[in-house]
Protein backbone atom coordinates (compact mmCIF):
# COMPACT_ATOMS: atom_id res chain seq x y z
CA MET A 1 -12.56 -21.86 10.81
CA ALA A 2 -10.83 -19.34 13.07
CA TRP A 3 -8.93 -17.82 10.14
CA LEU A 4 -12.18 -17.41 8.21
CA TYR A 5 -13.65 -15.59 11.21
CA LEU A 6 -10.57 -13.39 11.42
CA ILE A 7 -10.51 -12.45 7.73
CA THR A 8 -14.24 -11.74 7.77
CA ALA A 9 -13.80 -9.64 10.92
CA GLY A 10 -11.16 -7.62 9.08
CA LEU A 11 -13.50 -7.06 6.16
CA PHE A 12 -16.22 -5.84 8.52
CA GLU A 13 -13.61 -3.50 10.01
CA VAL A 14 -13.23 -1.99 6.54
CA LEU A 15 -17.00 -1.60 6.33
CA LEU A 16 -16.99 0.05 9.75
CA VAL A 17 -14.56 2.81 8.76
CA THR A 18 -16.23 3.25 5.36
CA PHE A 19 -19.63 3.77 6.99
CA MET A 20 -18.03 6.07 9.55
CA LYS A 21 -16.80 8.23 6.67
CA LEU A 22 -20.21 8.15 5.00
CA SER A 23 -21.98 9.06 8.26
CA ASP A 24 -20.49 12.59 8.11
CA GLY A 25 -19.58 12.73 11.79
CA TYR A 26 -22.55 10.53 12.76
CA LYS A 27 -25.00 13.08 11.35
CA LYS A 28 -26.53 10.69 8.80
CA ILE A 29 -28.58 7.98 10.46
CA LEU A 30 -28.32 5.01 8.04
CA PRO A 31 -24.52 5.05 7.67
CA THR A 32 -24.25 5.56 11.44
CA ILE A 33 -26.37 2.48 12.13
CA LEU A 34 -24.42 0.47 9.55
CA ALA A 35 -21.14 1.58 11.14
CA PHE A 36 -22.22 0.33 14.57
CA VAL A 37 -23.57 -2.94 13.14
CA SER A 38 -20.38 -3.53 11.13
CA GLY A 39 -18.25 -2.76 14.18
CA GLY A 40 -20.25 -5.13 16.35
CA ILE A 41 -19.97 -7.94 13.82
CA SER A 42 -16.26 -7.27 13.42
CA PHE A 43 -15.58 -7.44 17.15
CA TYR A 44 -17.75 -10.53 17.57
CA LEU A 45 -15.97 -12.41 14.79
CA LEU A 46 -12.60 -11.27 16.15
CA SER A 47 -13.54 -12.67 19.56
CA LEU A 48 -14.44 -16.01 17.97
CA ALA A 49 -11.15 -16.10 16.06
CA LEU A 50 -9.13 -15.32 19.19
CA ILE A 51 -10.38 -18.51 20.84
CA SER A 52 -7.85 -20.46 18.77
CA ILE A 53 -5.51 -17.87 17.25
CA PRO A 54 -2.96 -16.16 19.53
CA ILE A 55 -3.98 -12.59 20.35
CA SER A 56 -0.73 -11.14 19.00
CA THR A 57 -1.29 -12.72 15.60
CA GLY A 58 -5.06 -12.25 15.52
CA TYR A 59 -5.05 -8.59 16.45
CA SER A 60 -2.19 -7.82 14.06
CA VAL A 61 -3.94 -9.51 11.15
CA TRP A 62 -7.28 -7.85 12.01
CA THR A 63 -5.78 -4.37 12.14
CA GLY A 64 -3.68 -5.05 9.04
CA ILE A 65 -6.73 -6.04 7.01
CA GLY A 66 -8.62 -3.05 8.39
CA SER A 67 -5.80 -0.61 7.69
CA ALA A 68 -5.00 -1.80 4.19
CA GLY A 69 -8.67 -2.16 3.35
CA ALA A 70 -9.48 1.34 4.59
CA VAL A 71 -6.72 2.84 2.45
CA ILE A 72 -7.89 0.89 -0.59
CA ALA A 73 -11.52 1.91 0.04
CA GLY A 74 -10.41 5.53 0.35
CA MET A 75 -8.58 5.36 -2.95
CA LEU A 76 -11.46 3.62 -4.74
CA PHE A 77 -14.49 5.44 -3.31
CA PHE A 78 -13.33 8.70 -1.73
CA ASN A 79 -10.88 10.00 -4.33
CA GLU A 80 -7.83 9.72 -2.07
CA THR A 81 -4.40 9.84 -3.72
CA LYS A 82 -3.22 6.73 -5.52
CA ASP A 83 0.52 7.34 -5.65
CA LEU A 84 3.05 4.51 -5.85
CA LYS A 85 4.36 5.07 -2.31
CA ARG A 86 0.92 4.41 -0.79
CA ILE A 87 0.42 1.34 -2.95
CA PHE A 88 3.88 0.03 -2.01
CA PHE A 89 3.23 0.36 1.71
CA ILE A 90 -0.24 -1.20 1.42
CA GLY A 91 1.54 -4.11 -0.26
CA CYS A 92 3.92 -4.29 2.71
CA ILE A 93 0.97 -4.56 5.10
CA ILE A 94 -0.63 -7.30 2.99
CA VAL A 95 2.64 -9.25 2.79
CA SER A 96 3.03 -8.92 6.57
CA VAL A 97 -0.47 -10.27 7.16
CA ILE A 98 0.22 -13.21 4.86
CA GLY A 99 3.52 -13.81 6.67
CA LEU A 100 1.80 -13.88 10.06
CA LYS A 101 -0.70 -16.41 8.73
CA ALA A 102 2.02 -18.55 7.15
CA PHE A 103 4.17 -18.73 10.29
CA SER A 104 1.45 -19.00 12.95
């Protein structure tokens, strides 16, 4: 169950940064509220996951999901560049996260 919490926390981390972008510097109220709610859920689920997953693994996986997810969200929704170098390094992050899960 801890890994489910951790993966879900990472997905809420992606929502957090996406809503931060949409909030336009916290000037728009609804995306601002959604950013804070997403962040709170993300941290709460991370705290639940860290009860049984070592902090080094848990935090690395959480930030990896958040980082890769934020880049993917930027490419899909905010017209950020989609060059092969970015895609390659996102793949490296994803493989690293899978490796941490496999060997933890």
